[in-house]
Amino acid sequence: MSLYLFLLIPILTAATAQILFKKGIASFGSLDFSLSNLFSLIPRILQNGWLLVGMILFGISFLTYLF
């Protein structure tokens, strides 16, 4: 039972993180990835709750995958 739990946690957290990333990026609309605009994107990304939660879930997924 615990083996299945150790397999399920990283899979579910990674899948949920992907969905949250998609939702967060979709809220931006169209993005300009030019070098001059790249630095203004960073604060917008860090202020988006969907993306922050997605990053946290990916971190949890990564750590549980290692162990």
Protein backbone atom coordinates (compact mmCIF):
# COMPACT_ATOMS: atom_id res chain seq x y z
CA MET A 1 0.00 0.00 0.00
CA SER A 2 2.73 2.49 0.90
CA LEU A 3 4.52 1.76 -2.39
CA TYR A 4 1.45 2.84 -4.31
CA LEU A 5 1.21 5.98 -2.19
CA PHE A 6 4.83 6.83 -2.94
CA LEU A 7 4.09 6.44 -6.64
CA LEU A 8 0.81 8.31 -6.56
CA ILE A 9 1.96 11.46 -4.76
CA PRO A 10 4.59 12.63 -7.30
CA ILE A 11 2.34 11.73 -10.22
CA LEU A 12 -0.67 13.63 -8.89
CA THR A 13 1.31 16.65 -7.75
CA ALA A 14 3.11 16.93 -11.10
CA ALA A 15 -0.14 16.60 -13.05
CA THR A 16 -1.85 19.19 -10.86
CA ALA A 17 1.13 21.53 -11.23
CA GLN A 18 0.90 21.26 -15.02
CA ILE A 19 -2.79 22.19 -14.93
CA LEU A 20 -2.08 25.15 -12.63
CA PHE A 21 0.73 26.33 -14.92
CA LYS A 22 -1.61 26.21 -17.88
CA LYS A 23 -4.28 28.15 -16.00
CA GLY A 24 -1.74 30.73 -14.81
CA ILE A 25 -0.17 31.31 -18.22
CA ALA A 26 -3.60 31.49 -19.89
CA SER A 27 -4.52 34.35 -17.55
CA PHE A 28 -1.72 36.46 -19.08
CA GLY A 29 -3.21 36.43 -22.57
CA SER A 30 -0.61 36.97 -25.28
CA LEU A 31 2.98 37.20 -24.13
CA ASP A 32 5.94 38.93 -25.73
CA PHE A 33 9.15 37.03 -25.02
CA SER A 34 11.51 39.67 -26.38
CA LEU A 35 14.63 40.40 -24.36
CA SER A 36 13.42 43.88 -23.40
CA ASN A 37 10.10 42.51 -22.14
CA LEU A 38 11.55 39.43 -20.45
CA PHE A 39 12.50 41.23 -17.23
CA SER A 40 9.04 42.75 -16.87
CA LEU A 41 7.51 39.27 -17.12
CA ILE A 42 9.33 37.97 -14.05
CA PRO A 43 7.40 40.07 -11.48
CA ARG A 44 4.12 39.24 -13.23
CA ILE A 45 4.92 35.54 -13.01
CA LEU A 46 5.85 35.76 -9.33
CA GLN A 47 2.61 37.61 -8.52
CA ASN A 48 0.39 35.01 -10.18
CA GLY A 49 -1.02 32.67 -7.54
CA TRP A 50 -1.70 29.83 -9.97
CA LEU A 51 1.93 29.78 -11.08
CA LEU A 52 3.28 30.01 -7.54
CA VAL A 53 1.18 27.08 -6.36
CA GLY A 54 2.21 25.17 -9.48
CA MET A 55 5.89 25.77 -8.70
CA ILE A 56 5.39 24.62 -5.11
CA LEU A 57 3.62 21.47 -6.27
CA PHE A 58 6.40 20.73 -8.76
CA GLY A 59 8.89 21.10 -5.92
CA ILE A 60 6.89 18.66 -3.80
CA SER A 61 6.66 16.29 -6.75
CA PHE A 62 10.41 16.48 -7.32
CA LEU A 63 11.26 15.85 -3.68
CA THR A 64 8.86 12.94 -3.32
CA TYR A 65 10.20 11.46 -6.56
CA LEU A 66 13.74 11.52 -5.13
CA PHE A 67 12.73 9.61 -2.02
